PDB file of N, CA and C in Angstrom:
ATOM      1  N   MET A   1     -48.277  18.763 -22.297  1.00  0.00           N
ATOM      2  CA  MET A   1     -47.100  18.822 -21.465  1.00  0.00           C
ATOM      3  C   MET A   1     -46.982  17.496 -20.713  1.00  0.00           C
ATOM      4  N   ILE A   2     -45.819  16.920 -20.721  1.00  0.00           N
ATOM      5  CA  ILE A   2     -45.569  15.668 -20.018  1.00  0.00           C
ATOM      6  C   ILE A   2     -44.704  15.965 -18.804  1.00  0.00           C
ATOM      7  N   HIS A   3     -45.139  15.486 -17.653  1.00  0.00           N
ATOM      8  CA  HIS A   3     -44.372  15.622 -16.417  1.00  0.00           C
ATOM      9  C   HIS A   3     -43.869  14.230 -16.057  1.00  0.00           C
ATOM     10  N   GLY A   4     -42.565  14.081 -15.964  1.00  0.00           N
ATOM     11  CA  GLY A   4     -41.988  12.785 -15.633  1.00  0.00           C
ATOM     12  C   GLY A   4     -41.296  12.827 -14.288  1.00  0.00           C
ATOM     13  N   LYS A   5     -41.468  11.782 -13.499  1.00  0.00           N
ATOM     14  CA  LYS A   5     -40.794  11.670 -12.204  1.00  0.00           C
ATOM     15  C   LYS A   5     -40.466  10.208 -11.979  1.00  0.00           C
ATOM     16  N   ALA A   6     -39.243   9.934 -11.591  1.00  0.00           N
ATOM     17  CA  ALA A   6     -38.835   8.558 -11.321  1.00  0.00           C
ATOM     18  C   ALA A   6     -37.777   8.551 -10.233  1.00  0.00           C
ATOM     19  N   THR A   7     -37.593   7.412  -9.621  1.00  0.00           N
ATOM     20  CA  THR A   7     -36.591   7.254  -8.570  1.00  0.00           C
ATOM     21  C   THR A   7     -35.660   6.107  -8.943  1.00  0.00           C
ATOM     22  N   LEU A   8     -34.363   6.378  -8.872  1.00  0.00           N
ATOM     23  CA  LEU A   8     -33.349   5.333  -9.022  1.00  0.00           C
ATOM     24  C   LEU A   8     -32.760   5.099  -7.640  1.00  0.00           C
ATOM     25  N   TYR A   9     -32.726   3.857  -7.202  1.00  0.00           N
ATOM     26  CA  TYR A   9     -32.154   3.551  -5.888  1.00  0.00           C
ATOM     27  C   TYR A   9     -30.881   2.744  -6.063  1.00  0.00           C
ATOM     28  N   TYR A  10     -29.817   3.225  -5.470  1.00  0.00           N
ATOM     29  CA  TYR A  10     -28.533   2.536  -5.465  1.00  0.00           C
ATOM     30  C   TYR A  10     -28.361   1.910  -4.089  1.00  0.00           C
ATOM     31  N   PRO A  11     -28.597   0.590  -3.942  1.00  0.00           N
ATOM     32  CA  PRO A  11     -28.426  -0.045  -2.633  1.00  0.00           C
ATOM     33  C   PRO A  11     -26.958  -0.051  -2.216  1.00  0.00           C
ATOM     34  N   PRO A  12     -26.700  -0.293  -0.932  1.00  0.00           N
ATOM     35  CA  PRO A  12     -25.318  -0.285  -0.448  1.00  0.00           C
ATOM     36  C   PRO A  12     -24.380  -1.175  -1.272  1.00  0.00           C
ATOM     37  N   ALA A  13     -24.844  -2.338  -1.716  1.00  0.00           N
ATOM     38  CA  ALA A  13     -23.991  -3.235  -2.510  1.00  0.00           C
ATOM     39  C   ALA A  13     -23.550  -2.559  -3.810  1.00  0.00           C
ATOM     40  N   CYS A  14     -24.461  -1.807  -4.447  1.00  0.00           N
ATOM     41  CA  CYS A  14     -24.098  -1.100  -5.676  1.00  0.00           C
ATOM     42  C   CYS A  14     -23.114   0.025  -5.382  1.00  0.00           C
ATOM     43  N   MET A  15     -23.320   0.700  -4.270  1.00  0.00           N
ATOM     44  CA  MET A  15     -22.396   1.780  -3.908  1.00  0.00           C
ATOM     45  C   MET A  15     -20.988   1.210  -3.676  1.00  0.00           C
ATOM     46  N   THR A  16     -20.905   0.029  -3.094  1.00  0.00           N
ATOM     47  CA  THR A  16     -19.606  -0.622  -2.870  1.00  0.00           C
ATOM     48  C   THR A  16     -18.928  -0.919  -4.200  1.00  0.00           C
ATOM     49  N   VAL A  17     -19.681  -1.429  -5.160  1.00  0.00           N
ATOM     50  CA  VAL A  17     -19.127  -1.720  -6.486  1.00  0.00           C
ATOM     51  C   VAL A  17     -18.672  -0.429  -7.162  1.00  0.00           C
ATOM     52  N   LEU A  18     -19.485   0.631  -7.074  1.00  0.00           N
ATOM     53  CA  LEU A  18     -19.103   1.922  -7.663  1.00  0.00           C
ATOM     54  C   LEU A  18     -17.815   2.458  -7.042  1.00  0.00           C
ATOM     55  N   LYS A  19     -17.646   2.252  -5.739  1.00  0.00           N
ATOM     56  CA  LYS A  19     -16.451   2.746  -5.056  1.00  0.00           C
ATOM     57  C   LYS A  19     -15.174   2.071  -5.559  1.00  0.00           C
ATOM     58  N   ASP A  20     -15.296   0.871  -6.131  1.00  0.00           N
ATOM     59  CA  ASP A  20     -14.122   0.201  -6.689  1.00  0.00           C
ATOM     60  C   ASP A  20     -13.508   1.018  -7.826  1.00  0.00           C
ATOM     61  N   SER A  21     -14.357   1.627  -8.645  1.00  0.00           N
ATOM     62  CA  SER A  21     -13.835   2.414  -9.764  1.00  0.00           C
ATOM     63  C   SER A  21     -13.831   3.915  -9.474  1.00  0.00           C
ATOM     64  N   MET A  22     -14.633   4.361  -8.523  1.00  0.00           N
ATOM     65  CA  MET A  22     -14.708   5.782  -8.154  1.00  0.00           C
ATOM     66  C   MET A  22     -14.688   5.878  -6.627  1.00  0.00           C
ATOM     67  N   PRO A  23     -13.513   5.866  -6.013  1.00  0.00           N
ATOM     68  CA  PRO A  23     -13.417   5.817  -4.551  1.00  0.00           C
ATOM     69  C   PRO A  23     -14.161   6.936  -3.821  1.00  0.00           C
ATOM     70  N   ASP A  24     -14.323   8.102  -4.441  1.00  0.00           N
ATOM     71  CA  ASP A  24     -14.968   9.231  -3.764  1.00  0.00           C
ATOM     72  C   ASP A  24     -16.468   9.317  -4.026  1.00  0.00           C
ATOM     73  N   VAL A  25     -17.062   8.282  -4.625  1.00  0.00           N
ATOM     74  CA  VAL A  25     -18.486   8.358  -4.970  1.00  0.00           C
ATOM     75  C   VAL A  25     -19.349   8.401  -3.708  1.00  0.00           C
ATOM     76  N   ASP A  26     -20.310   9.303  -3.733  1.00  0.00           N
ATOM     77  CA  ASP A  26     -21.351   9.371  -2.718  1.00  0.00           C
ATOM     78  C   ASP A  26     -22.602   9.894  -3.416  1.00  0.00           C
ATOM     79  N   CYS A  27     -23.643  10.178  -2.669  1.00  0.00           N
ATOM     80  CA  CYS A  27     -24.903  10.614  -3.290  1.00  0.00           C
ATOM     81  C   CYS A  27     -24.742  11.947  -4.020  1.00  0.00           C
ATOM     82  N   ALA A  28     -23.960  12.852  -3.474  1.00  0.00           N
ATOM     83  CA  ALA A  28     -23.741  14.146  -4.129  1.00  0.00           C
ATOM     84  C   ALA A  28     -23.015  13.964  -5.463  1.00  0.00           C
ATOM     85  N   VAL A  29     -22.063  13.053  -5.525  1.00  0.00           N
ATOM     86  CA  VAL A  29     -21.339  12.778  -6.767  1.00  0.00           C
ATOM     87  C   VAL A  29     -22.301  12.175  -7.808  1.00  0.00           C
ATOM     88  N   LEU A  30     -23.146  11.244  -7.379  1.00  0.00           N
ATOM     89  CA  LEU A  30     -24.136  10.672  -8.292  1.00  0.00           C
ATOM     90  C   LEU A  30     -25.086  11.753  -8.814  1.00  0.00           C
ATOM     91  N   GLN A  31     -25.527  12.627  -7.927  1.00  0.00           N
ATOM     92  CA  GLN A  31     -26.432  13.703  -8.325  1.00  0.00           C
ATOM     93  C   GLN A  31     -25.789  14.584  -9.390  1.00  0.00           C
ATOM     94  N   GLU A  32     -24.554  14.980  -9.190  1.00  0.00           N
ATOM     95  CA  GLU A  32     -23.867  15.835 -10.159  1.00  0.00           C
ATOM     96  C   GLU A  32     -23.643  15.106 -11.479  1.00  0.00           C
ATOM     97  N   ALA A  33     -23.306  13.824 -11.414  1.00  0.00           N
ATOM     98  CA  ALA A  33     -23.093  13.046 -12.636  1.00  0.00           C
ATOM     99  C   ALA A  33     -24.392  12.964 -13.439  1.00  0.00           C
ATOM    100  N   TRP A  34     -25.520  12.713 -12.767  1.00  0.00           N
ATOM    101  CA  TRP A  34     -26.794  12.654 -13.469  1.00  0.00           C
ATOM    102  C   TRP A  34     -27.193  14.006 -14.035  1.00  0.00           C
ATOM    103  N   ARG A  35     -26.913  15.083 -13.301  1.00  0.00           N
ATOM    104  CA  ARG A  35     -27.238  16.427 -13.810  1.00  0.00           C
ATOM    105  C   ARG A  35     -26.429  16.751 -15.062  1.00  0.00           C
ATOM    106  N   GLN A  36     -25.177  16.308 -15.114  1.00  0.00           N
ATOM    107  CA  GLN A  36     -24.355  16.547 -16.300  1.00  0.00           C
ATOM    108  C   GLN A  36     -24.810  15.668 -17.464  1.00  0.00           C
ATOM    109  N   GLU A  37     -25.230  14.454 -17.161  1.00  0.00           N
ATOM    110  CA  GLU A  37     -25.665  13.516 -18.200  1.00  0.00           C
ATOM    111  C   GLU A  37     -26.986  13.948 -18.837  1.00  0.00           C
ATOM    112  N   THR A  38     -27.893  14.504 -18.033  1.00  0.00           N
ATOM    113  CA  THR A  38     -29.219  14.914 -18.508  1.00  0.00           C
ATOM    114  C   THR A  38     -29.489  16.352 -18.058  1.00  0.00           C
ATOM    115  N   PRO A  39     -28.928  17.333 -18.775  1.00  0.00           N
ATOM    116  CA  PRO A  39     -28.988  18.726 -18.330  1.00  0.00           C
ATOM    117  C   PRO A  39     -30.387  19.332 -18.238  1.00  0.00           C
ATOM    118  N   ASN A  40     -31.384  18.795 -18.912  1.00  0.00           N
ATOM    119  CA  ASN A  40     -32.733  19.350 -18.852  1.00  0.00           C
ATOM    120  C   ASN A  40     -33.596  18.698 -17.782  1.00  0.00           C
ATOM    121  N   THR A  41     -32.965  17.923 -16.915  1.00  0.00           N
ATOM    122  CA  THR A  41     -33.675  17.183 -15.878  1.00  0.00           C
ATOM    123  C   THR A  41     -33.162  17.602 -14.508  1.00  0.00           C
ATOM    124  N   VAL A  42     -34.076  17.750 -13.555  1.00  0.00           N
ATOM    125  CA  VAL A  42     -33.696  18.103 -12.184  1.00  0.00           C
ATOM    126  C   VAL A  42     -33.497  16.814 -11.400  1.00  0.00           C
ATOM    127  N   TRP A  43     -32.278  16.626 -10.880  1.00  0.00           N
ATOM    128  CA  TRP A  43     -31.943  15.437 -10.093  1.00  0.00           C
ATOM    129  C   TRP A  43     -31.715  15.823  -8.641  1.00  0.00           C
ATOM    130  N   THR A  44     -32.183  14.986  -7.718  1.00  0.00           N
ATOM    131  CA  THR A  44     -31.902  15.144  -6.300  1.00  0.00           C
ATOM    132  C   THR A  44     -31.570  13.764  -5.750  1.00  0.00           C
ATOM    133  N   CYS A  45     -30.356  13.617  -5.214  1.00  0.00           N
ATOM    134  CA  CYS A  45     -29.933  12.339  -4.637  1.00  0.00           C
ATOM    135  C   CYS A  45     -29.681  12.526  -3.143  1.00  0.00           C
ATOM    136  N   VAL A  46     -30.245  11.641  -2.335  1.00  0.00           N
ATOM    137  CA  VAL A  46     -30.070  11.701  -0.883  1.00  0.00           C
ATOM    138  C   VAL A  46     -29.694  10.325  -0.358  1.00  0.00           C
ATOM    139  N   GLY A  47     -29.093  10.318   0.831  1.00  0.00           N
ATOM    140  CA  GLY A  47     -28.681   9.085   1.483  1.00  0.00           C
ATOM    141  C   GLY A  47     -27.185   9.089   1.721  1.00  0.00           C
ATOM    142  N   THR A  48     -26.657   7.921   2.007  1.00  0.00           N
ATOM    143  CA  THR A  48     -25.221   7.747   2.222  1.00  0.00           C
ATOM    144  C   THR A  48     -24.762   6.515   1.466  1.00  0.00           C
ATOM    145  N   ALA A  49     -23.471   6.423   1.253  1.00  0.00           N
ATOM    146  CA  ALA A  49     -22.930   5.245   0.570  1.00  0.00           C
ATOM    147  C   ALA A  49     -23.221   3.979   1.384  1.00  0.00           C
ATOM    148  N   GLU A  50     -23.228   4.100   2.714  1.00  0.00           N
ATOM    149  CA  GLU A  50     -23.469   2.947   3.585  1.00  0.00           C
ATOM    150  C   GLU A  50     -24.937   2.521   3.594  1.00  0.00           C
ATOM    151  N   GLN A  51     -25.862   3.498   3.457  1.00  0.00           N
ATOM    152  CA  GLN A  51     -27.296   3.197   3.475  1.00  0.00           C
ATOM    153  C   GLN A  51     -27.873   3.034   2.077  1.00  0.00           C
ATOM    154  N   GLY A  52     -27.174   3.565   1.085  1.00  0.00           N
ATOM    155  CA  GLY A  52     -27.672   3.584  -0.278  1.00  0.00           C
ATOM    156  C   GLY A  52     -28.132   4.982  -0.641  1.00  0.00           C
ATOM    157  N   CYS A  53     -28.193   5.247  -1.927  1.00  0.00           N
ATOM    158  CA  CYS A  53     -28.602   6.559  -2.424  1.00  0.00           C
ATOM    159  C   CYS A  53     -29.909   6.435  -3.193  1.00  0.00           C
ATOM    160  N   SER A  54     -30.811   7.342  -2.919  1.00  0.00           N
ATOM    161  CA  SER A  54     -32.072   7.427  -3.633  1.00  0.00           C
ATOM    162  C   SER A  54     -32.023   8.686  -4.486  1.00  0.00           C
ATOM    163  N   CYS A  55     -32.079   8.518  -5.798  1.00  0.00           N
ATOM    164  CA  CYS A  55     -31.986   9.639  -6.738  1.00  0.00           C
ATOM    165  C   CYS A  55     -33.328   9.802  -7.448  1.00  0.00           C
ATOM    166  N   VAL A  56     -33.920  10.973  -7.304  1.00  0.00           N
ATOM    167  CA  VAL A  56     -35.209  11.286  -7.918  1.00  0.00           C
ATOM    168  C   VAL A  56     -34.964  12.281  -9.033  1.00  0.00           C
ATOM    169  N   PHE A  57     -35.590  12.036 -10.189  1.00  0.00           N
ATOM    170  CA  PHE A  57     -35.506  13.043 -11.245  1.00  0.00           C
ATOM    171  C   PHE A  57     -36.896  13.488 -11.643  1.00  0.00           C
ATOM    172  N   VAL A  58     -36.968  14.762 -12.021  1.00  0.00           N
ATOM    173  CA  VAL A  58     -38.218  15.357 -12.481  1.00  0.00           C
ATOM    174  C   VAL A  58     -37.924  16.033 -13.801  1.00  0.00           C
ATOM    175  N   ASN A  59     -38.759  15.781 -14.773  1.00  0.00           N
ATOM    176  CA  ASN A  59     -38.584  16.379 -16.093  1.00  0.00           C
ATOM    177  C   ASN A  59     -39.950  16.803 -16.610  1.00  0.00           C
ATOM    178  N   GLU A  60     -39.963  17.872 -17.355  1.00  0.00           N
ATOM    179  CA  GLU A  60     -41.193  18.370 -17.936  1.00  0.00           C
ATOM    180  C   GLU A  60     -40.893  18.752 -19.371  1.00  0.00           C
ATOM    181  N   PHE A  61     -41.684  18.240 -20.305  1.00  0.00           N
ATOM    182  CA  PHE A  61     -41.440  18.563 -21.697  1.00  0.00           C
ATOM    183  C   PHE A  61     -42.724  18.413 -22.503  1.00  0.00           C
ATOM    184  N   ALA A  62     -42.743  19.111 -23.606  1.00  0.00           N
ATOM    185  CA  ALA A  62     -43.867  18.995 -24.531  1.00  0.00           C
ATOM    186  C   ALA A  62     -43.450  18.039 -25.642  1.00  0.00           C
ATOM    187  N   ASN A  63     -44.314  17.115 -25.974  1.00  0.00           N
ATOM    188  CA  ASN A  63     -43.981  16.133 -26.984  1.00  0.00           C
ATOM    189  C   ASN A  63     -45.267  15.697 -27.684  1.00  0.00           C
ATOM    190  N   THR A  64     -45.240  15.654 -28.976  1.00  0.00           N
ATOM    191  CA  THR A  64     -46.382  15.169 -29.728  1.00  0.00           C
ATOM    192  C   THR A  64     -45.969  13.893 -30.450  1.00  0.00           C
ATOM    193  N   VAL A  65     -46.675  12.825 -30.170  1.00  0.00           N
ATOM    194  CA  VAL A  65     -46.406  11.538 -30.800  1.00  0.00           C
ATOM    195  C   VAL A  65     -47.717  11.040 -31.384  1.00  0.00           C
ATOM    196  N   MET A  66     -47.675  10.668 -32.632  1.00  0.00           N
ATOM    197  CA  MET A  66     -48.863  10.126 -33.290  1.00  0.00           C
ATOM    198  C   MET A  66     -48.742   8.609 -33.314  1.00  0.00           C
ATOM    199  N   GLY A  67     -49.868   7.942 -33.187  1.00  0.00           N
ATOM    200  CA  GLY A  67     -49.849   6.495 -33.213  1.00  0.00           C
ATOM    201  C   GLY A  67     -51.212   5.935 -32.902  1.00  0.00           C
ATOM    202  N   SER A  68     -51.218   4.676 -32.478  1.00  0.00           N
ATOM    203  CA  SER A  68     -52.482   4.014 -32.178  1.00  0.00           C
ATOM    204  C   SER A  68     -52.429   3.352 -30.814  1.00  0.00           C
ATOM    205  N   VAL A  69     -53.611   3.157 -30.265  1.00  0.00           N
ATOM    206  CA  VAL A  69     -53.771   2.479 -28.981  1.00  0.00           C
ATOM    207  C   VAL A  69     -54.764   1.348 -29.199  1.00  0.00           C
ATOM    208  N   MET A  70     -54.386   0.142 -28.785  1.00  0.00           N
ATOM    209  CA  MET A  70     -55.273  -1.014 -28.917  1.00  0.00           C
ATOM    210  C   MET A  70     -55.422  -1.630 -27.529  1.00  0.00           C
ATOM    211  N   ALA A  71     -56.630  -1.542 -26.961  1.00  0.00           N
ATOM    212  CA  ALA A  71     -56.902  -2.116 -25.642  1.00  0.00           C
ATOM    213  C   ALA A  71     -57.717  -3.384 -25.809  1.00  0.00           C
ATOM    214  N   THR A  72     -57.274  -4.444 -25.131  1.00  0.00           N
ATOM    215  CA  THR A  72     -57.971  -5.717 -25.134  1.00  0.00           C
ATOM    216  C   THR A  72     -57.959  -6.241 -23.706  1.00  0.00           C
ATOM    217  N   GLY A  73     -59.120  -6.360 -23.095  1.00  0.00           N
ATOM    218  CA  GLY A  73     -59.179  -6.809 -21.709  1.00  0.00           C
ATOM    219  C   GLY A  73     -58.420  -5.844 -20.822  1.00  0.00           C
ATOM    220  N   GLN A  74     -57.464  -6.330 -20.060  1.00  0.00           N
ATOM    221  CA  GLN A  74     -56.656  -5.490 -19.170  1.00  0.00           C
ATOM    222  C   GLN A  74     -55.257  -5.241 -19.746  1.00  0.00           C
ATOM    223  N   GLN A  75     -55.141  -5.311 -21.084  1.00  0.00           N
ATOM    224  CA  GLN A  75     -53.864  -5.040 -21.722  1.00  0.00           C
ATOM    225  C   GLN A  75     -54.036  -3.969 -22.791  1.00  0.00           C
ATOM    226  N   VAL A  76     -52.971  -3.203 -22.986  1.00  0.00           N
ATOM    227  CA  VAL A  76     -52.980  -2.136 -23.980  1.00  0.00           C
ATOM    228  C   VAL A  76     -51.674  -2.209 -24.768  1.00  0.00           C
ATOM    229  N   ALA A  77     -51.771  -1.964 -26.068  1.00  0.00           N
ATOM    230  CA  ALA A  77     -50.577  -1.899 -26.924  1.00  0.00           C
ATOM    231  C   ALA A  77     -50.531  -0.497 -27.524  1.00  0.00           C
ATOM    232  N   LEU A  78     -49.425   0.201 -27.298  1.00  0.00           N
ATOM    233  CA  LEU A  78     -49.222   1.544 -27.827  1.00  0.00           C
ATOM    234  C   LEU A  78     -48.221   1.447 -28.961  1.00  0.00           C
ATOM    235  N   THR A  79     -48.580   1.946 -30.143  1.00  0.00           N
ATOM    236  CA  THR A  79     -47.706   1.851 -31.296  1.00  0.00           C
ATOM    237  C   THR A  79     -47.570   3.226 -31.942  1.00  0.00           C
ATOM    238  N   GLU A  80     -46.324   3.726 -32.011  1.00  0.00           N
ATOM    239  CA  GLU A  80     -46.076   4.992 -32.696  1.00  0.00           C
ATOM    240  C   GLU A  80     -46.162   4.780 -34.193  1.00  0.00           C
ATOM    241  N   ASP A  81     -46.679   5.796 -34.905  1.00  0.00           N
ATOM    242  CA  ASP A  81     -46.743   5.712 -36.362  1.00  0.00           C
ATOM    243  C   ASP A  81     -45.354   5.422 -36.925  1.00  0.00           C
ATOM    244  N   GLY A  82     -45.270   4.471 -37.861  1.00  0.00           N
ATOM    245  CA  GLY A  82     -44.016   4.136 -38.510  1.00  0.00           C
ATOM    246  C   GLY A  82     -43.138   3.186 -37.717  1.00  0.00           C
ATOM    247  N   GLU A  83     -43.562   2.776 -36.517  1.00  0.00           N
ATOM    248  CA  GLU A  83     -42.773   1.867 -35.679  1.00  0.00           C
ATOM    249  C   GLU A  83     -43.429   0.493 -35.641  1.00  0.00           C
ATOM    250  N   ALA A  84     -42.638  -0.511 -35.277  1.00  0.00           N
ATOM    251  CA  ALA A  84     -43.168  -1.865 -35.116  1.00  0.00           C
ATOM    252  C   ALA A  84     -44.109  -1.882 -33.910  1.00  0.00           C
ATOM    253  N   PRO A  85     -45.171  -2.675 -33.966  1.00  0.00           N
ATOM    254  CA  PRO A  85     -46.085  -2.754 -32.824  1.00  0.00           C
ATOM    255  C   PRO A  85     -45.356  -3.220 -31.565  1.00  0.00           C
ATOM    256  N   GLU A  86     -45.717  -2.625 -30.438  1.00  0.00           N
ATOM    257  CA  GLU A  86     -45.122  -3.030 -29.164  1.00  0.00           C
ATOM    258  C   GLU A  86     -45.929  -4.167 -28.557  1.00  0.00           C
ATOM    259  N   GLU A  87     -45.289  -4.908 -27.656  1.00  0.00           N
ATOM    260  CA  GLU A  87     -45.978  -5.975 -26.946  1.00  0.00           C
ATOM    261  C   GLU A  87     -47.029  -5.357 -26.028  1.00  0.00           C
ATOM    262  N   PRO A  88     -48.186  -6.005 -25.865  1.00  0.00           N
ATOM    263  CA  PRO A  88     -49.206  -5.474 -24.958  1.00  0.00           C
ATOM    264  C   PRO A  88     -48.689  -5.405 -23.524  1.00  0.00           C
ATOM    265  N   SER A  89     -49.144  -4.405 -22.800  1.00  0.00           N
ATOM    266  CA  SER A  89     -48.773  -4.198 -21.403  1.00  0.00           C
ATOM    267  C   SER A  89     -50.036  -4.193 -20.547  1.00  0.00           C
ATOM    268  N   ASP A  90     -49.896  -4.596 -19.291  1.00  0.00           N
ATOM    269  CA  ASP A  90     -51.008  -4.541 -18.355  1.00  0.00           C
ATOM    270  C   ASP A  90     -51.297  -3.084 -18.018  1.00  0.00           C
ATOM    271  N   TYR A  91     -52.580  -2.763 -17.823  1.00  0.00           N
ATOM    272  CA  TYR A  91     -52.925  -1.396 -17.439  1.00  0.00           C
ATOM    273  C   TYR A  91     -54.100  -1.393 -16.481  1.00  0.00           C
ATOM    274  N   CYS A  92     -54.250  -0.279 -15.782  1.00  0.00           N
ATOM    275  CA  CYS A  92     -55.444  -0.062 -14.968  1.00  0.00           C
ATOM    276  C   CYS A  92     -55.733   1.429 -14.938  1.00  0.00           C
ATOM    277  N   VAL A  93     -56.992   1.750 -14.722  1.00  0.00           N
ATOM    278  CA  VAL A  93     -57.431   3.134 -14.644  1.00  0.00           C
ATOM    279  C   VAL A  93     -58.114   3.318 -13.297  1.00  0.00           C
ATOM    280  N   LYS A  94     -57.713   4.388 -12.597  1.00  0.00           N
ATOM    281  CA  LYS A  94     -58.346   4.726 -11.325  1.00  0.00           C
ATOM    282  C   LYS A  94     -58.586   6.226 -11.335  1.00  0.00           C
ATOM    283  N   GLY A  95     -59.839   6.624 -11.388  1.00  0.00           N
ATOM    284  CA  GLY A  95     -60.163   8.047 -11.484  1.00  0.00           C
ATOM    285  C   GLY A  95     -59.625   8.612 -12.781  1.00  0.00           C
ATOM    286  N   ASN A  96     -58.789   9.643 -12.689  1.00  0.00           N
ATOM    287  CA  ASN A  96     -58.192  10.284 -13.865  1.00  0.00           C
ATOM    288  C   ASN A  96     -56.797   9.757 -14.172  1.00  0.00           C
ATOM    289  N   THR A  97     -56.395   8.651 -13.537  1.00  0.00           N
ATOM    290  CA  THR A  97     -55.029   8.156 -13.675  1.00  0.00           C
ATOM    291  C   THR A  97     -54.983   6.821 -14.414  1.00  0.00           C
ATOM    292  N   LEU A  98     -54.120   6.770 -15.421  1.00  0.00           N
ATOM    293  CA  LEU A  98     -53.857   5.552 -16.176  1.00  0.00           C
ATOM    294  C   LEU A  98     -52.462   5.070 -15.809  1.00  0.00           C
ATOM    295  N   SER A  99     -52.331   3.814 -15.410  1.00  0.00           N
ATOM    296  CA  SER A  99     -51.027   3.223 -15.127  1.00  0.00           C
ATOM    297  C   SER A  99     -50.815   2.040 -16.054  1.00  0.00           C
ATOM    298  N   VAL A 100     -49.622   1.987 -16.672  1.00  0.00           N
ATOM    299  CA  VAL A 100     -49.276   0.911 -17.594  1.00  0.00           C
ATOM    300  C   VAL A 100     -48.003   0.257 -17.085  1.00  0.00           C
ATOM    301  N   ARG A 101     -48.001  -1.081 -16.963  1.00  0.00           N
ATOM    302  CA  ARG A 101     -46.824  -1.823 -16.517  1.00  0.00           C
ATOM    303  C   ARG A 101     -46.308  -2.662 -17.672  1.00  0.00           C
ATOM    304  N   ASP A 102     -45.070  -2.346 -18.114  1.00  0.00           N
ATOM    305  CA  ASP A 102     -44.444  -3.091 -19.200  1.00  0.00           C
ATOM    306  C   ASP A 102     -43.984  -4.462 -18.724  1.00  0.00           C
ATOM    307  N   ALA A 103     -43.617  -5.317 -19.671  1.00  0.00           N
ATOM    308  CA  ALA A 103     -43.147  -6.667 -19.355  1.00  0.00           C
ATOM    309  C   ALA A 103     -41.899  -6.651 -18.475  1.00  0.00           C
ATOM    310  N   ASP A 104     -41.056  -5.594 -18.589  1.00  0.00           N
ATOM    311  CA  ASP A 104     -39.841  -5.519 -17.779  1.00  0.00           C
ATOM    312  C   ASP A 104     -40.103  -4.978 -16.376  1.00  0.00           C
ATOM    313  N   GLY A 105     -41.373  -4.676 -16.047  1.00  0.00           N
ATOM    314  CA  GLY A 105     -41.723  -4.189 -14.717  1.00  0.00           C
ATOM    315  C   GLY A 105     -41.776  -2.678 -14.608  1.00  0.00           C
ATOM    316  N   SER A 106     -41.386  -1.945 -15.668  1.00  0.00           N
ATOM    317  CA  SER A 106     -41.468  -0.494 -15.652  1.00  0.00           C
ATOM    318  C   SER A 106     -42.930  -0.066 -15.580  1.00  0.00           C
ATOM    319  N   VAL A 107     -43.198   0.978 -14.802  1.00  0.00           N
ATOM    320  CA  VAL A 107     -44.549   1.490 -14.670  1.00  0.00           C
ATOM    321  C   VAL A 107     -44.583   2.933 -15.137  1.00  0.00           C
ATOM    322  N   PHE A 108     -45.529   3.227 -16.011  1.00  0.00           N
ATOM    323  CA  PHE A 108     -45.734   4.583 -16.521  1.00  0.00           C
ATOM    324  C   PHE A 108     -47.122   5.017 -16.069  1.00  0.00           C
ATOM    325  N   THR A 109     -47.221   6.246 -15.605  1.00  0.00           N
ATOM    326  CA  THR A 109     -48.484   6.779 -15.130  1.00  0.00           C
ATOM    327  C   THR A 109     -48.806   8.076 -15.840  1.00  0.00           C
ATOM    328  N   ALA A 110     -50.039   8.212 -16.247  1.00  0.00           N
ATOM    329  CA  ALA A 110     -50.512   9.458 -16.885  1.00  0.00           C
ATOM    330  C   ALA A 110     -51.766   9.891 -16.144  1.00  0.00           C
ATOM    331  N   THR A 111     -51.859  11.196 -15.862  1.00  0.00           N
ATOM    332  CA  THR A 111     -53.016  11.755 -15.179  1.00  0.00           C
ATOM    333  C   THR A 111     -53.672  12.790 -16.081  1.00  0.00           C
ATOM    334  N   LYS A 112     -54.973  12.654 -16.278  1.00  0.00           N
ATOM    335  CA  LYS A 112     -55.717  13.614 -17.083  1.00  0.00           C
ATOM    336  C   LYS A 112     -55.788  14.925 -16.326  1.00  0.00           C
ATOM    337  N   GLN A 113     -55.435  16.001 -17.006  1.00  0.00           N
ATOM    338  CA  GLN A 113     -55.438  17.323 -16.377  1.00  0.00           C
ATOM    339  C   GLN A 113     -56.727  18.040 -16.653  1.00  0.00           C
TER     340      GLN A 113
END
């Protein structure tokens, strides 16, 4: 079972740009839009258009992916079977938690249950 949680933050400048095309946009509107876009995900958006909106999503799903893991030093490359090899990413392990940071700055965390 995979449990996913992430936060999207819309700073005030982004909210201003959104208001140009959607004058009534606020955090509740963003929350509803995300819930419609991803119906199997729980979204919660809080804040104000003036302060910015913080939208958190939580998703839980079962997924089986076969592939290989190649660790070298403090980098790991994860490759799904039948896919092109991915670029190595930085990783660290602390206790039962593995964190991987991709080149674009995305961070993925897995905890051994």
